[in-house]
Amino acid sequence: MRAFEGEVVQSEGLRYGRDYDVGDRVTCLYGQLRMDATITEISEDYGEGGVCRVHAVLSDGTYSLRRAVQLAAKRI
């Protein structure tokens, strides 16, 4: 299983919690590289002036049953 972490670029057309969340399948782009991955973890860091930076862990694998249940319970 491959996994990586990085900062998510926020834009008016793409917002965490509204357009994507943990468990969603997304396409990641880095230069000419392209990979479909699942968001497995998200953290938000607030800096000066309330600026929010979103960091995500993405993986091409699947969740454990325990993690899948936790994510489902969170969305209820």
N, C-alpha and C. Protein backbone atom coordinates (compact mmCIF):
# COMPACT_ATOMS: atom_id res chain seq x y z
N MET A 1 0.84 -1.17 0.00
CA MET A 1 0.00 0.00 0.00
C MET A 1 0.89 1.24 0.00
N ARG A 2 0.58 2.18 -0.87
CA ARG A 2 1.31 3.45 -0.92
C ARG A 2 0.50 4.52 -0.21
N ALA A 3 1.17 5.38 0.54
CA ALA A 3 0.50 6.49 1.22
C ALA A 3 1.42 7.70 1.19
N PHE A 4 0.82 8.87 1.21
CA PHE A 4 1.61 10.10 1.26
C PHE A 4 0.79 11.17 1.95
N GLU A 5 1.50 12.20 2.41
CA GLU A 5 0.87 13.31 3.12
C GLU A 5 1.25 14.61 2.45
N GLY A 6 0.34 15.56 2.47
CA GLY A 6 0.65 16.86 1.89
C GLY A 6 -0.41 17.88 2.22
N GLU A 7 -0.10 19.12 1.91
CA GLU A 7 -1.06 20.20 2.12
C GLU A 7 -2.03 20.24 0.95
N VAL A 8 -3.31 20.41 1.26
CA VAL A 8 -4.34 20.48 0.24
C VAL A 8 -4.51 21.95 -0.16
N VAL A 9 -4.46 22.22 -1.43
CA VAL A 9 -4.64 23.58 -1.93
C VAL A 9 -6.13 23.90 -1.88
N GLN A 10 -6.47 24.92 -1.10
CA GLN A 10 -7.86 25.35 -0.96
C GLN A 10 -8.17 26.40 -2.01
N SER A 11 -9.38 26.38 -2.52
CA SER A 11 -9.84 27.41 -3.45
C SER A 11 -11.33 27.63 -3.20
N GLU A 12 -11.88 28.64 -3.81
CA GLU A 12 -13.32 28.91 -3.63
C GLU A 12 -14.16 27.73 -4.11
N GLY A 13 -13.69 27.03 -5.13
CA GLY A 13 -14.46 25.91 -5.67
C GLY A 13 -14.18 24.58 -5.01
N LEU A 14 -13.27 24.56 -4.02
CA LEU A 14 -12.89 23.30 -3.39
C LEU A 14 -12.60 23.54 -1.92
N ARG A 15 -13.53 23.16 -1.04
CA ARG A 15 -13.41 23.39 0.40
C ARG A 15 -13.59 22.10 1.18
N TYR A 16 -12.70 21.93 2.17
CA TYR A 16 -12.79 20.78 3.08
C TYR A 16 -14.11 20.83 3.85
N GLY A 17 -14.76 19.68 4.00
CA GLY A 17 -16.02 19.58 4.73
C GLY A 17 -17.23 19.84 3.86
N ARG A 18 -17.04 20.57 2.78
CA ARG A 18 -18.13 20.85 1.85
C ARG A 18 -17.99 20.01 0.58
N ASP A 19 -16.79 20.02 0.00
CA ASP A 19 -16.56 19.34 -1.26
C ASP A 19 -15.83 18.01 -1.11
N TYR A 20 -15.11 17.84 -0.02
CA TYR A 20 -14.39 16.59 0.21
C TYR A 20 -14.21 16.38 1.71
N ASP A 21 -14.03 15.10 2.10
CA ASP A 21 -13.86 14.74 3.51
C ASP A 21 -13.12 13.41 3.57
N VAL A 22 -12.83 12.96 4.77
CA VAL A 22 -12.17 11.67 4.97
C VAL A 22 -13.04 10.58 4.35
N GLY A 23 -12.40 9.67 3.65
CA GLY A 23 -13.10 8.57 3.00
C GLY A 23 -13.39 8.80 1.53
N ASP A 24 -13.29 10.05 1.08
CA ASP A 24 -13.55 10.35 -0.32
C ASP A 24 -12.39 9.90 -1.20
N ARG A 25 -12.71 9.50 -2.41
CA ARG A 25 -11.72 9.13 -3.41
C ARG A 25 -11.45 10.38 -4.24
N VAL A 26 -10.18 10.76 -4.38
CA VAL A 26 -9.81 11.99 -5.08
C VAL A 26 -8.69 11.71 -6.07
N THR A 27 -8.49 12.64 -6.98
CA THR A 27 -7.36 12.57 -7.91
C THR A 27 -6.32 13.58 -7.45
N CYS A 28 -5.10 13.12 -7.24
CA CYS A 28 -4.00 13.96 -6.78
C CYS A 28 -3.11 14.29 -7.98
N LEU A 29 -2.75 15.56 -8.08
CA LEU A 29 -1.89 16.01 -9.17
C LEU A 29 -0.64 16.66 -8.59
N TYR A 30 0.50 16.32 -9.14
CA TYR A 30 1.77 16.94 -8.76
C TYR A 30 2.60 17.03 -10.03
N GLY A 31 2.61 18.20 -10.63
CA GLY A 31 3.28 18.33 -11.92
C GLY A 31 2.59 17.44 -12.94
N GLN A 32 3.33 16.55 -13.56
CA GLN A 32 2.77 15.62 -14.54
C GLN A 32 2.29 14.31 -13.91
N LEU A 33 2.53 14.13 -12.61
CA LEU A 33 2.10 12.91 -11.93
C LEU A 33 0.64 13.00 -11.54
N ARG A 34 -0.08 11.91 -11.70
CA ARG A 34 -1.50 11.84 -11.37
C ARG A 34 -1.78 10.50 -10.69
N MET A 35 -2.54 10.53 -9.58
CA MET A 35 -2.83 9.31 -8.84
C MET A 35 -4.20 9.44 -8.18
N ASP A 36 -5.02 8.42 -8.31
CA ASP A 36 -6.28 8.37 -7.59
C ASP A 36 -6.01 7.76 -6.23
N ALA A 37 -6.52 8.40 -5.17
CA ALA A 37 -6.24 7.95 -3.80
C ALA A 37 -7.44 8.24 -2.91
N THR A 38 -7.45 7.61 -1.76
CA THR A 38 -8.50 7.80 -0.76
C THR A 38 -7.95 8.65 0.37
N ILE A 39 -8.72 9.67 0.80
CA ILE A 39 -8.31 10.49 1.93
C ILE A 39 -8.53 9.66 3.20
N THR A 40 -7.44 9.36 3.91
CA THR A 40 -7.55 8.51 5.10
C THR A 40 -7.46 9.30 6.40
N GLU A 41 -6.96 10.53 6.33
CA GLU A 41 -6.83 11.36 7.53
C GLU A 41 -6.70 12.82 7.12
N ILE A 42 -7.30 13.71 7.91
CA ILE A 42 -7.19 15.15 7.64
C ILE A 42 -6.93 15.88 8.94
N SER A 43 -6.06 16.88 8.88
CA SER A 43 -5.84 17.76 10.03
C SER A 43 -5.89 19.20 9.55
N GLU A 44 -6.34 20.08 10.44
CA GLU A 44 -6.43 21.51 10.14
C GLU A 44 -5.51 22.26 11.09
N ASP A 45 -4.70 23.14 10.56
CA ASP A 45 -3.81 23.98 11.36
C ASP A 45 -4.20 25.43 11.13
N TYR A 46 -4.44 26.15 12.23
CA TYR A 46 -4.81 27.56 12.13
C TYR A 46 -3.63 28.43 12.52
N GLY A 47 -3.27 29.35 11.63
CA GLY A 47 -2.15 30.24 11.87
C GLY A 47 -2.62 31.64 12.19
N GLU A 48 -1.71 32.57 12.03
CA GLU A 48 -2.01 33.97 12.31
C GLU A 48 -3.16 34.46 11.44
N GLY A 49 -4.02 35.25 12.02
CA GLY A 49 -5.15 35.80 11.27
C GLY A 49 -6.23 34.77 10.96
N GLY A 50 -6.16 33.60 11.61
CA GLY A 50 -7.18 32.58 11.38
C GLY A 50 -7.05 31.83 10.07
N VAL A 51 -5.89 31.94 9.42
CA VAL A 51 -5.67 31.24 8.17
C VAL A 51 -5.58 29.74 8.44
N CYS A 52 -6.39 28.97 7.73
CA CYS A 52 -6.45 27.52 7.92
C CYS A 52 -5.66 26.81 6.83
N ARG A 53 -4.78 25.90 7.25
CA ARG A 53 -4.05 25.04 6.32
C ARG A 53 -4.53 23.61 6.55
N VAL A 54 -4.94 22.95 5.48
CA VAL A 54 -5.46 21.60 5.56
C VAL A 54 -4.39 20.63 5.07
N HIS A 55 -4.10 19.62 5.90
CA HIS A 55 -3.15 18.58 5.54
C HIS A 55 -3.90 17.25 5.46
N ALA A 56 -3.57 16.46 4.47
CA ALA A 56 -4.27 15.19 4.28
C ALA A 56 -3.28 14.05 4.10
N VAL A 57 -3.67 12.88 4.58
CA VAL A 57 -2.95 11.64 4.30
C VAL A 57 -3.81 10.90 3.29
N LEU A 58 -3.18 10.51 2.20
CA LEU A 58 -3.89 9.82 1.12
C LEU A 58 -3.24 8.47 0.88
N SER A 59 -4.06 7.50 0.49
CA SER A 59 -3.55 6.15 0.29
C SER A 59 -4.26 5.49 -0.88
N ASP A 60 -3.58 4.58 -1.54
CA ASP A 60 -4.22 3.81 -2.61
C ASP A 60 -4.78 2.50 -2.07
N GLY A 61 -4.68 2.28 -0.77
CA GLY A 61 -5.18 1.05 -0.16
C GLY A 61 -6.59 1.21 0.38
N THR A 62 -7.00 0.27 1.18
CA THR A 62 -8.33 0.28 1.77
C THR A 62 -8.23 0.40 3.28
N TYR A 63 -9.33 0.77 3.91
CA TYR A 63 -9.38 0.90 5.36
C TYR A 63 -9.50 -0.45 6.05
N SER A 64 -9.10 -0.46 7.32
CA SER A 64 -9.43 -1.60 8.16
C SER A 64 -10.92 -1.47 8.49
N LEU A 65 -11.55 -2.55 8.92
CA LEU A 65 -12.97 -2.51 9.27
C LEU A 65 -13.21 -1.52 10.39
N ARG A 66 -12.34 -1.49 11.38
CA ARG A 66 -12.49 -0.57 12.51
C ARG A 66 -12.51 0.88 12.04
N ARG A 67 -11.58 1.25 11.17
CA ARG A 67 -11.51 2.63 10.68
C ARG A 67 -12.73 2.97 9.84
N ALA A 68 -13.21 2.03 9.03
CA ALA A 68 -14.39 2.27 8.21
C ALA A 68 -15.61 2.55 9.08
N VAL A 69 -15.77 1.82 10.19
CA VAL A 69 -16.89 2.03 11.11
C VAL A 69 -16.76 3.39 11.79
N GLN A 70 -15.55 3.77 12.20
CA GLN A 70 -15.34 5.07 12.83
C GLN A 70 -15.74 6.20 11.88
N LEU A 71 -15.36 6.09 10.63
CA LEU A 71 -15.69 7.13 9.65
C LEU A 71 -17.19 7.21 9.40
N ALA A 72 -17.84 6.04 9.33
CA ALA A 72 -19.29 6.02 9.12
C ALA A 72 -20.01 6.66 10.31
N ALA A 73 -19.57 6.37 11.53
CA ALA A 73 -20.19 6.93 12.74
C ALA A 73 -20.00 8.43 12.79
N LYS A 74 -18.87 8.92 12.32
CA LYS A 74 -18.60 10.37 12.32
C LYS A 74 -19.57 11.12 11.42
N ARG A 75 -20.01 10.51 10.33
CA ARG A 75 -20.89 11.17 9.37
C ARG A 75 -22.35 11.18 9.78
N ILE A 76 -22.70 10.43 10.83
CA ILE A 76 -24.11 10.36 11.28
C ILE A 76 -24.46 11.59 12.07
